[in-house]
Amino acid sequence: MASLPLATRQVATVIAEEVWEDAGRLPCKLTIDLPLQHFCVHDLLRLERGAILQSRIDNSAQVPVSVNKCLLGWAEFEVVDDRVAVRMTELA
């Protein structure tokens, strides 16, 4: 693109920005895989809002993060105020 005239590069940049602006509104599904030992369908059926699940995973352990079933990277859990957050630590 560097060999194109400046006006052409500017038009191409504007078009690319518009395409990505529209793409930014596409829905996607973000998932974080957390291994739970001894968790079965019976436990799943009894889940309620606010339930606390025990995991033997270390606070600083890396967990996979996927978007639309494609691995995005790895993250670790972090407590922020009274919520659990996920901090991205590595991109795939």
PDB file of N, CA and C in Angstrom:
ATOM      1  N   MET A   1       0.827  -1.184   0.000  1.00  0.00           N
ATOM      2  CA  MET A   1       0.000   0.000   0.000  1.00  0.00           C
ATOM      3  C   MET A   1       0.873   1.250   0.000  1.00  0.00           C
ATOM      4  N   ALA A   2       2.115   1.177   0.472  1.00  0.00           N
ATOM      5  CA  ALA A   2       3.004   2.332   0.541  1.00  0.00           C
ATOM      6  C   ALA A   2       3.324   2.877  -0.840  1.00  0.00           C
ATOM      7  N   SER A   3       3.230   2.061  -1.899  1.00  0.00           N
ATOM      8  CA  SER A   3       3.554   2.530  -3.242  1.00  0.00           C
ATOM      9  C   SER A   3       2.384   3.251  -3.905  1.00  0.00           C
ATOM     10  N   LEU A   4       1.209   3.222  -3.300  1.00  0.00           N
ATOM     11  CA  LEU A   4       0.040   3.917  -3.842  1.00  0.00           C
ATOM     12  C   LEU A   4       0.130   5.407  -3.535  1.00  0.00           C
ATOM     13  N   PRO A   5      -0.504   6.243  -4.364  1.00  0.00           N
ATOM     14  CA  PRO A   5      -0.532   7.685  -4.091  1.00  0.00           C
ATOM     15  C   PRO A   5      -1.215   7.962  -2.743  1.00  0.00           C
ATOM     16  N   LEU A   6      -0.851   9.062  -2.114  1.00  0.00           N
ATOM     17  CA  LEU A   6      -1.358   9.416  -0.789  1.00  0.00           C
ATOM     18  C   LEU A   6      -2.879   9.447  -0.742  1.00  0.00           C
ATOM     19  N   ALA A   7      -3.538  10.048  -1.734  1.00  0.00           N
ATOM     20  CA  ALA A   7      -5.012  10.144  -1.740  1.00  0.00           C
ATOM     21  C   ALA A   7      -5.641   8.751  -1.776  1.00  0.00           C
ATOM     22  N   THR A   8      -5.069   7.841  -2.542  1.00  0.00           N
ATOM     23  CA  THR A   8      -5.584   6.475  -2.635  1.00  0.00           C
ATOM     24  C   THR A   8      -5.408   5.752  -1.310  1.00  0.00           C
ATOM     25  N   ARG A   9      -4.255   5.957  -0.674  1.00  0.00           N
ATOM     26  CA  ARG A   9      -4.017   5.326   0.636  1.00  0.00           C
ATOM     27  C   ARG A   9      -5.009   5.845   1.662  1.00  0.00           C
ATOM     28  N   GLN A  10      -5.306   7.152   1.631  1.00  0.00           N
ATOM     29  CA  GLN A  10      -6.245   7.733   2.586  1.00  0.00           C
ATOM     30  C   GLN A  10      -7.649   7.176   2.381  1.00  0.00           C
ATOM     31  N   VAL A  11      -8.097   7.032   1.134  1.00  0.00           N
ATOM     32  CA  VAL A  11      -9.413   6.468   0.846  1.00  0.00           C
ATOM     33  C   VAL A  11      -9.464   5.014   1.317  1.00  0.00           C
ATOM     34  N   ALA A  12      -8.409   4.236   1.045  1.00  0.00           N
ATOM     35  CA  ALA A  12      -8.361   2.827   1.465  1.00  0.00           C
ATOM     36  C   ALA A  12      -8.407   2.725   2.985  1.00  0.00           C
ATOM     37  N   THR A  13      -7.745   3.636   3.676  1.00  0.00           N
ATOM     38  CA  THR A  13      -7.750   3.629   5.140  1.00  0.00           C
ATOM     39  C   THR A  13      -9.144   3.910   5.674  1.00  0.00           C
ATOM     40  N   VAL A  14      -9.843   4.882   5.095  1.00  0.00           N
ATOM     41  CA  VAL A  14     -11.202   5.221   5.528  1.00  0.00           C
ATOM     42  C   VAL A  14     -12.135   4.042   5.303  1.00  0.00           C
ATOM     43  N   ILE A  15     -12.036   3.387   4.141  1.00  0.00           N
ATOM     44  CA  ILE A  15     -12.887   2.228   3.850  1.00  0.00           C
ATOM     45  C   ILE A  15     -12.605   1.105   4.843  1.00  0.00           C
ATOM     46  N   ALA A  16     -11.337   0.829   5.118  1.00  0.00           N
ATOM     47  CA  ALA A  16     -10.974  -0.223   6.068  1.00  0.00           C
ATOM     48  C   ALA A  16     -11.520   0.096   7.456  1.00  0.00           C
ATOM     49  N   GLU A  17     -11.434   1.353   7.882  1.00  0.00           N
ATOM     50  CA  GLU A  17     -11.959   1.737   9.194  1.00  0.00           C
ATOM     51  C   GLU A  17     -13.470   1.535   9.256  1.00  0.00           C
ATOM     52  N   GLU A  18     -14.184   1.855   8.174  1.00  0.00           N
ATOM     53  CA  GLU A  18     -15.634   1.668   8.142  1.00  0.00           C
ATOM     54  C   GLU A  18     -16.000   0.192   8.209  1.00  0.00           C
ATOM     55  N   VAL A  19     -15.253  -0.653   7.508  1.00  0.00           N
ATOM     56  CA  VAL A  19     -15.516  -2.092   7.536  1.00  0.00           C
ATOM     57  C   VAL A  19     -15.324  -2.620   8.947  1.00  0.00           C
ATOM     58  N   TRP A  20     -14.233  -2.236   9.610  1.00  0.00           N
ATOM     59  CA  TRP A  20     -13.980  -2.735  10.967  1.00  0.00           C
ATOM     60  C   TRP A  20     -14.970  -2.159  11.964  1.00  0.00           C
ATOM     61  N   GLU A  21     -15.446  -0.935  11.716  1.00  0.00           N
ATOM     62  CA  GLU A  21     -16.459  -0.362  12.610  1.00  0.00           C
ATOM     63  C   GLU A  21     -17.728  -1.209  12.559  1.00  0.00           C
ATOM     64  N   ASP A  22     -18.140  -1.612  11.366  1.00  0.00           N
ATOM     65  CA  ASP A  22     -19.310  -2.477  11.222  1.00  0.00           C
ATOM     66  C   ASP A  22     -19.047  -3.850  11.824  1.00  0.00           C
ATOM     67  N   ALA A  23     -17.860  -4.397  11.626  1.00  0.00           N
ATOM     68  CA  ALA A  23     -17.520  -5.723  12.158  1.00  0.00           C
ATOM     69  C   ALA A  23     -17.508  -5.709  13.677  1.00  0.00           C
ATOM     70  N   GLY A  24     -17.234  -4.582  14.278  1.00  0.00           N
ATOM     71  CA  GLY A  24     -17.197  -4.479  15.732  1.00  0.00           C
ATOM     72  C   GLY A  24     -18.535  -4.754  16.391  1.00  0.00           C
ATOM     73  N   ARG A  25     -19.597  -4.735  15.622  1.00  0.00           N
ATOM     74  CA  ARG A  25     -20.938  -4.972  16.166  1.00  0.00           C
ATOM     75  C   ARG A  25     -21.390  -6.427  16.025  1.00  0.00           C
ATOM     76  N   LEU A  26     -20.579  -7.252  15.380  1.00  0.00           N
ATOM     77  CA  LEU A  26     -20.955  -8.651  15.214  1.00  0.00           C
ATOM     78  C   LEU A  26     -20.908  -9.375  16.555  1.00  0.00           C
ATOM     79  N   PRO A  27     -21.930 -10.170  16.857  1.00  0.00           N
ATOM     80  CA  PRO A  27     -21.920 -10.893  18.134  1.00  0.00           C
ATOM     81  C   PRO A  27     -20.888 -12.019  18.116  1.00  0.00           C
ATOM     82  N   CYS A  28     -20.313 -12.277  19.259  1.00  0.00           N
ATOM     83  CA  CYS A  28     -19.389 -13.391  19.409  1.00  0.00           C
ATOM     84  C   CYS A  28     -19.582 -13.986  20.802  1.00  0.00           C
ATOM     85  N   LYS A  29     -19.099 -15.208  20.971  1.00  0.00           N
ATOM     86  CA  LYS A  29     -19.255 -15.902  22.237  1.00  0.00           C
ATOM     87  C   LYS A  29     -17.878 -16.108  22.852  1.00  0.00           C
ATOM     88  N   LEU A  30     -17.661 -15.512  24.011  1.00  0.00           N
ATOM     89  CA  LEU A  30     -16.407 -15.621  24.736  1.00  0.00           C
ATOM     90  C   LEU A  30     -16.568 -16.677  25.818  1.00  0.00           C
ATOM     91  N   THR A  31     -15.664 -17.649  25.854  1.00  0.00           N
ATOM     92  CA  THR A  31     -15.731 -18.692  26.870  1.00  0.00           C
ATOM     93  C   THR A  31     -14.398 -18.827  27.580  1.00  0.00           C
ATOM     94  N   ILE A  32     -14.476 -19.162  28.852  1.00  0.00           N
ATOM     95  CA  ILE A  32     -13.300 -19.406  29.680  1.00  0.00           C
ATOM     96  C   ILE A  32     -13.476 -20.798  30.268  1.00  0.00           C
ATOM     97  N   ASP A  33     -12.526 -21.666  29.996  1.00  0.00           N
ATOM     98  CA  ASP A  33     -12.626 -23.043  30.463  1.00  0.00           C
ATOM     99  C   ASP A  33     -11.968 -23.183  31.825  1.00  0.00           C
ATOM    100  N   LEU A  34     -12.777 -23.537  32.806  1.00  0.00           N
ATOM    101  CA  LEU A  34     -12.303 -23.721  34.174  1.00  0.00           C
ATOM    102  C   LEU A  34     -12.532 -25.173  34.574  1.00  0.00           C
ATOM    103  N   PRO A  35     -11.463 -25.915  34.801  1.00  0.00           N
ATOM    104  CA  PRO A  35     -11.641 -27.313  35.176  1.00  0.00           C
ATOM    105  C   PRO A  35     -12.167 -27.439  36.610  1.00  0.00           C
ATOM    106  N   LEU A  36     -13.231 -28.204  36.756  1.00  0.00           N
ATOM    107  CA  LEU A  36     -13.802 -28.481  38.072  1.00  0.00           C
ATOM    108  C   LEU A  36     -13.762 -29.988  38.289  1.00  0.00           C
ATOM    109  N   GLN A  37     -13.106 -30.409  39.350  1.00  0.00           N
ATOM    110  CA  GLN A  37     -13.016 -31.829  39.647  1.00  0.00           C
ATOM    111  C   GLN A  37     -14.312 -32.309  40.274  1.00  0.00           C
ATOM    112  N   HIS A  38     -14.708 -33.496  39.930  1.00  0.00           N
ATOM    113  CA  HIS A  38     -15.880 -34.156  40.508  1.00  0.00           C
ATOM    114  C   HIS A  38     -17.167 -33.372  40.275  1.00  0.00           C
ATOM    115  N   PHE A  39     -17.271 -32.647  39.175  1.00  0.00           N
ATOM    116  CA  PHE A  39     -18.486 -31.902  38.822  1.00  0.00           C
ATOM    117  C   PHE A  39     -19.258 -32.755  37.827  1.00  0.00           C
ATOM    118  N   CYS A  40     -20.539 -33.000  38.102  1.00  0.00           N
ATOM    119  CA  CYS A  40     -21.319 -33.875  37.227  1.00  0.00           C
ATOM    120  C   CYS A  40     -22.648 -33.211  36.867  1.00  0.00           C
ATOM    121  N   VAL A  41     -23.415 -33.885  36.036  1.00  0.00           N
ATOM    122  CA  VAL A  41     -24.686 -33.343  35.570  1.00  0.00           C
ATOM    123  C   VAL A  41     -25.610 -33.029  36.751  1.00  0.00           C
ATOM    124  N   HIS A  42     -25.601 -33.861  37.761  1.00  0.00           N
ATOM    125  CA  HIS A  42     -26.422 -33.627  38.963  1.00  0.00           C
ATOM    126  C   HIS A  42     -26.099 -32.257  39.571  1.00  0.00           C
ATOM    127  N   ASP A  43     -24.809 -31.921  39.659  1.00  0.00           N
ATOM    128  CA  ASP A  43     -24.393 -30.618  40.194  1.00  0.00           C
ATOM    129  C   ASP A  43     -24.849 -29.490  39.273  1.00  0.00           C
ATOM    130  N   LEU A  44     -24.747 -29.716  37.979  1.00  0.00           N
ATOM    131  CA  LEU A  44     -25.152 -28.711  37.000  1.00  0.00           C
ATOM    132  C   LEU A  44     -26.641 -28.395  37.123  1.00  0.00           C
ATOM    133  N   LEU A  45     -27.445 -29.415  37.295  1.00  0.00           N
ATOM    134  CA  LEU A  45     -28.892 -29.226  37.400  1.00  0.00           C
ATOM    135  C   LEU A  45     -29.295 -28.480  38.672  1.00  0.00           C
ATOM    136  N   ARG A  46     -28.470 -28.535  39.702  1.00  0.00           N
ATOM    137  CA  ARG A  46     -28.777 -27.867  40.970  1.00  0.00           C
ATOM    138  C   ARG A  46     -28.194 -26.467  41.081  1.00  0.00           C
ATOM    139  N   LEU A  47     -27.514 -25.993  40.048  1.00  0.00           N
ATOM    140  CA  LEU A  47     -26.917 -24.653  40.102  1.00  0.00           C
ATOM    141  C   LEU A  47     -27.990 -23.579  40.212  1.00  0.00           C
ATOM    142  N   GLU A  48     -27.711 -22.578  41.019  1.00  0.00           N
ATOM    143  CA  GLU A  48     -28.587 -21.428  41.157  1.00  0.00           C
ATOM    144  C   GLU A  48     -27.756 -20.167  41.012  1.00  0.00           C
ATOM    145  N   ARG A  49     -28.412 -19.080  40.770  1.00  0.00           N
ATOM    146  CA  ARG A  49     -27.718 -17.796  40.671  1.00  0.00           C
ATOM    147  C   ARG A  49     -26.997 -17.512  41.976  1.00  0.00           C
ATOM    148  N   GLY A  50     -25.749 -17.096  41.881  1.00  0.00           N
ATOM    149  CA  GLY A  50     -24.953 -16.789  43.054  1.00  0.00           C
ATOM    150  C   GLY A  50     -24.253 -17.994  43.656  1.00  0.00           C
ATOM    151  N   ALA A  51     -24.412 -19.159  43.028  1.00  0.00           N
ATOM    152  CA  ALA A  51     -23.771 -20.367  43.548  1.00  0.00           C
ATOM    153  C   ALA A  51     -22.253 -20.217  43.485  1.00  0.00           C
ATOM    154  N   ILE A  52     -21.590 -20.792  44.452  1.00  0.00           N
ATOM    155  CA  ILE A  52     -20.130 -20.782  44.503  1.00  0.00           C
ATOM    156  C   ILE A  52     -19.627 -22.181  44.203  1.00  0.00           C
ATOM    157  N   LEU A  53     -18.765 -22.275  43.196  1.00  0.00           N
ATOM    158  CA  LEU A  53     -18.198 -23.556  42.804  1.00  0.00           C
ATOM    159  C   LEU A  53     -16.754 -23.612  43.262  1.00  0.00           C
ATOM    160  N   GLN A  54     -16.387 -24.692  43.877  1.00  0.00           N
ATOM    161  CA  GLN A  54     -15.015 -24.841  44.350  1.00  0.00           C
ATOM    162  C   GLN A  54     -14.153 -25.453  43.254  1.00  0.00           C
ATOM    163  N   SER A  55     -13.005 -24.880  43.087  1.00  0.00           N
ATOM    164  CA  SER A  55     -12.053 -25.380  42.107  1.00  0.00           C
ATOM    165  C   SER A  55     -10.701 -25.514  42.786  1.00  0.00           C
ATOM    166  N   ARG A  56      -9.956 -26.490  42.381  1.00  0.00           N
ATOM    167  CA  ARG A  56      -8.616 -26.666  42.941  1.00  0.00           C
ATOM    168  C   ARG A  56      -7.560 -25.920  42.134  1.00  0.00           C
ATOM    169  N   ILE A  57      -8.019 -25.066  41.230  1.00  0.00           N
ATOM    170  CA  ILE A  57      -7.089 -24.316  40.394  1.00  0.00           C
ATOM    171  C   ILE A  57      -6.469 -23.177  41.209  1.00  0.00           C
ATOM    172  N   ASP A  58      -5.194 -22.964  41.032  1.00  0.00           N
ATOM    173  CA  ASP A  58      -4.470 -21.904  41.723  1.00  0.00           C
ATOM    174  C   ASP A  58      -4.892 -20.549  41.161  1.00  0.00           C
ATOM    175  N   ASN A  59      -4.895 -19.514  42.001  1.00  0.00           N
ATOM    176  CA  ASN A  59      -5.292 -18.172  41.556  1.00  0.00           C
ATOM    177  C   ASN A  59      -4.505 -17.692  40.350  1.00  0.00           C
ATOM    178  N   SER A  60      -3.238 -18.037  40.271  1.00  0.00           N
ATOM    179  CA  SER A  60      -2.404 -17.544  39.185  1.00  0.00           C
ATOM    180  C   SER A  60      -2.311 -18.526  38.022  1.00  0.00           C
ATOM    181  N   ALA A  61      -3.080 -19.594  38.047  1.00  0.00           N
ATOM    182  CA  ALA A  61      -3.037 -20.577  36.961  1.00  0.00           C
ATOM    183  C   ALA A  61      -3.638 -19.988  35.691  1.00  0.00           C
ATOM    184  N   GLN A  62      -3.094 -20.369  34.578  1.00  0.00           N
ATOM    185  CA  GLN A  62      -3.571 -19.901  33.279  1.00  0.00           C
ATOM    186  C   GLN A  62      -4.774 -20.724  32.833  1.00  0.00           C
ATOM    187  N   VAL A  63      -5.813 -20.067  32.351  1.00  0.00           N
ATOM    188  CA  VAL A  63      -6.987 -20.754  31.823  1.00  0.00           C
ATOM    189  C   VAL A  63      -7.178 -20.329  30.366  1.00  0.00           C
ATOM    190  N   PRO A  64      -7.617 -21.251  29.512  1.00  0.00           N
ATOM    191  CA  PRO A  64      -7.810 -20.902  28.099  1.00  0.00           C
ATOM    192  C   PRO A  64      -9.037 -20.022  27.890  1.00  0.00           C
ATOM    193  N   VAL A  65      -8.895 -19.046  26.996  1.00  0.00           N
ATOM    194  CA  VAL A  65      -9.983 -18.136  26.632  1.00  0.00           C
ATOM    195  C   VAL A  65     -10.242 -18.322  25.137  1.00  0.00           C
ATOM    196  N   SER A  66     -11.500 -18.591  24.789  1.00  0.00           N
ATOM    197  CA  SER A  66     -11.850 -18.823  23.387  1.00  0.00           C
ATOM    198  C   SER A  66     -12.931 -17.851  22.945  1.00  0.00           C
ATOM    199  N   VAL A  67     -12.910 -17.524  21.662  1.00  0.00           N
ATOM    200  CA  VAL A  67     -13.959 -16.712  21.050  1.00  0.00           C
ATOM    201  C   VAL A  67     -14.516 -17.520  19.883  1.00  0.00           C
ATOM    202  N   ASN A  68     -15.810 -17.779  19.931  1.00  0.00           N
ATOM    203  CA  ASN A  68     -16.469 -18.593  18.904  1.00  0.00           C
ATOM    204  C   ASN A  68     -15.737 -19.916  18.680  1.00  0.00           C
ATOM    205  N   LYS A  69     -15.359 -20.554  19.761  1.00  0.00           N
ATOM    206  CA  LYS A  69     -14.694 -21.862  19.775  1.00  0.00           C
ATOM    207  C   LYS A  69     -13.272 -21.841  19.213  1.00  0.00           C
ATOM    208  N   CYS A  70     -12.699 -20.664  19.008  1.00  0.00           N
ATOM    209  CA  CYS A  70     -11.306 -20.535  18.549  1.00  0.00           C
ATOM    210  C   CYS A  70     -10.486 -19.980  19.712  1.00  0.00           C
ATOM    211  N   LEU A  71      -9.372 -20.630  19.998  1.00  0.00           N
ATOM    212  CA  LEU A  71      -8.529 -20.199  21.114  1.00  0.00           C
ATOM    213  C   LEU A  71      -8.005 -18.793  20.866  1.00  0.00           C
ATOM    214  N   LEU A  72      -8.304 -17.884  21.783  1.00  0.00           N
ATOM    215  CA  LEU A  72      -7.838 -16.502  21.703  1.00  0.00           C
ATOM    216  C   LEU A  72      -6.529 -16.338  22.460  1.00  0.00           C
ATOM    217  N   GLY A  73      -6.427 -16.994  23.617  1.00  0.00           N
ATOM    218  CA  GLY A  73      -5.225 -16.866  24.421  1.00  0.00           C
ATOM    219  C   GLY A  73      -5.431 -17.470  25.795  1.00  0.00           C
ATOM    220  N   TRP A  74      -4.635 -17.004  26.729  1.00  0.00           N
ATOM    221  CA  TRP A  74      -4.654 -17.515  28.094  1.00  0.00           C
ATOM    222  C   TRP A  74      -4.839 -16.354  29.057  1.00  0.00           C
ATOM    223  N   ALA A  75      -5.504 -16.636  30.174  1.00  0.00           N
ATOM    224  CA  ALA A  75      -5.796 -15.589  31.150  1.00  0.00           C
ATOM    225  C   ALA A  75      -5.681 -16.155  32.556  1.00  0.00           C
ATOM    226  N   GLU A  76      -5.704 -15.264  33.518  1.00  0.00           N
ATOM    227  CA  GLU A  76      -5.734 -15.685  34.918  1.00  0.00           C
ATOM    228  C   GLU A  76      -6.846 -14.916  35.623  1.00  0.00           C
ATOM    229  N   PHE A  77      -7.389 -15.513  36.671  1.00  0.00           N
ATOM    230  CA  PHE A  77      -8.462 -14.879  37.425  1.00  0.00           C
ATOM    231  C   PHE A  77      -7.885 -13.847  38.385  1.00  0.00           C
ATOM    232  N   GLU A  78      -8.683 -12.814  38.624  1.00  0.00           N
ATOM    233  CA  GLU A  78      -8.269 -11.740  39.515  1.00  0.00           C
ATOM    234  C   GLU A  78      -9.521 -11.201  40.203  1.00  0.00           C
ATOM    235  N   VAL A  79      -9.404 -10.829  41.458  1.00  0.00           N
ATOM    236  CA  VAL A  79     -10.534 -10.255  42.180  1.00  0.00           C
ATOM    237  C   VAL A  79     -10.427  -8.733  42.104  1.00  0.00           C
ATOM    238  N   VAL A  80     -11.504  -8.103  41.625  1.00  0.00           N
ATOM    239  CA  VAL A  80     -11.574  -6.646  41.519  1.00  0.00           C
ATOM    240  C   VAL A  80     -12.814  -6.218  42.290  1.00  0.00           C
ATOM    241  N   ASP A  81     -12.593  -5.476  43.377  1.00  0.00           N
ATOM    242  CA  ASP A  81     -13.672  -5.116  44.298  1.00  0.00           C
ATOM    243  C   ASP A  81     -14.330  -6.402  44.797  1.00  0.00           C
ATOM    244  N   ASP A  82     -15.594  -6.610  44.500  1.00  0.00           N
ATOM    245  CA  ASP A  82     -16.262  -7.835  44.955  1.00  0.00           C
ATOM    246  C   ASP A  82     -16.594  -8.761  43.781  1.00  0.00           C
ATOM    247  N   ARG A  83     -15.880  -8.608  42.676  1.00  0.00           N
ATOM    248  CA  ARG A  83     -16.138  -9.417  41.468  1.00  0.00           C
ATOM    249  C   ARG A  83     -14.885 -10.161  41.050  1.00  0.00           C
ATOM    250  N   VAL A  84     -15.109 -11.247  40.339  1.00  0.00           N
ATOM    251  CA  VAL A  84     -14.012 -11.995  39.766  1.00  0.00           C
ATOM    252  C   VAL A  84     -13.819 -11.529  38.332  1.00  0.00           C
ATOM    253  N   ALA A  85     -12.599 -11.185  37.988  1.00  0.00           N
ATOM    254  CA  ALA A  85     -12.279 -10.715  36.640  1.00  0.00           C
ATOM    255  C   ALA A  85     -11.280 -11.672  36.005  1.00  0.00           C
ATOM    256  N   VAL A  86     -11.120 -11.537  34.714  1.00  0.00           N
ATOM    257  CA  VAL A  86     -10.150 -12.341  33.976  1.00  0.00           C
ATOM    258  C   VAL A  86      -9.190 -11.392  33.291  1.00  0.00           C
ATOM    259  N   ARG A  87      -7.902 -11.571  33.558  1.00  0.00           N
ATOM    260  CA  ARG A  87      -6.865 -10.732  32.934  1.00  0.00           C
ATOM    261  C   ARG A  87      -6.173 -11.534  31.857  1.00  0.00           C
ATOM    262  N   MET A  88      -6.219 -11.036  30.619  1.00  0.00           N
ATOM    263  CA  MET A  88      -5.534 -11.701  29.525  1.00  0.00           C
ATOM    264  C   MET A  88      -4.028 -11.595  29.738  1.00  0.00           C
ATOM    265  N   THR A  89      -3.340 -12.730  29.687  1.00  0.00           N
ATOM    266  CA  THR A  89      -1.900 -12.727  29.922  1.00  0.00           C
ATOM    267  C   THR A  89      -1.099 -13.120  28.685  1.00  0.00           C
ATOM    268  N   GLU A  90      -1.750 -13.840  27.753  1.00  0.00           N
ATOM    269  CA  GLU A  90      -1.034 -14.286  26.560  1.00  0.00           C
ATOM    270  C   GLU A  90      -2.037 -14.500  25.438  1.00  0.00           C
ATOM    271  N   LEU A  91      -1.688 -14.021  24.245  1.00  0.00           N
ATOM    272  CA  LEU A  91      -2.530 -14.249  23.069  1.00  0.00           C
ATOM    273  C   LEU A  91      -2.006 -15.447  22.302  1.00  0.00           C
ATOM    274  N   ALA A  92      -2.932 -16.202  21.733  1.00  0.00           N
ATOM    275  CA  ALA A  92      -2.551 -17.417  20.990  1.00  0.00           C
ATOM    276  C   ALA A  92      -1.935 -17.062  19.654  1.00  0.00           C
TER     277      ALA A  92
END
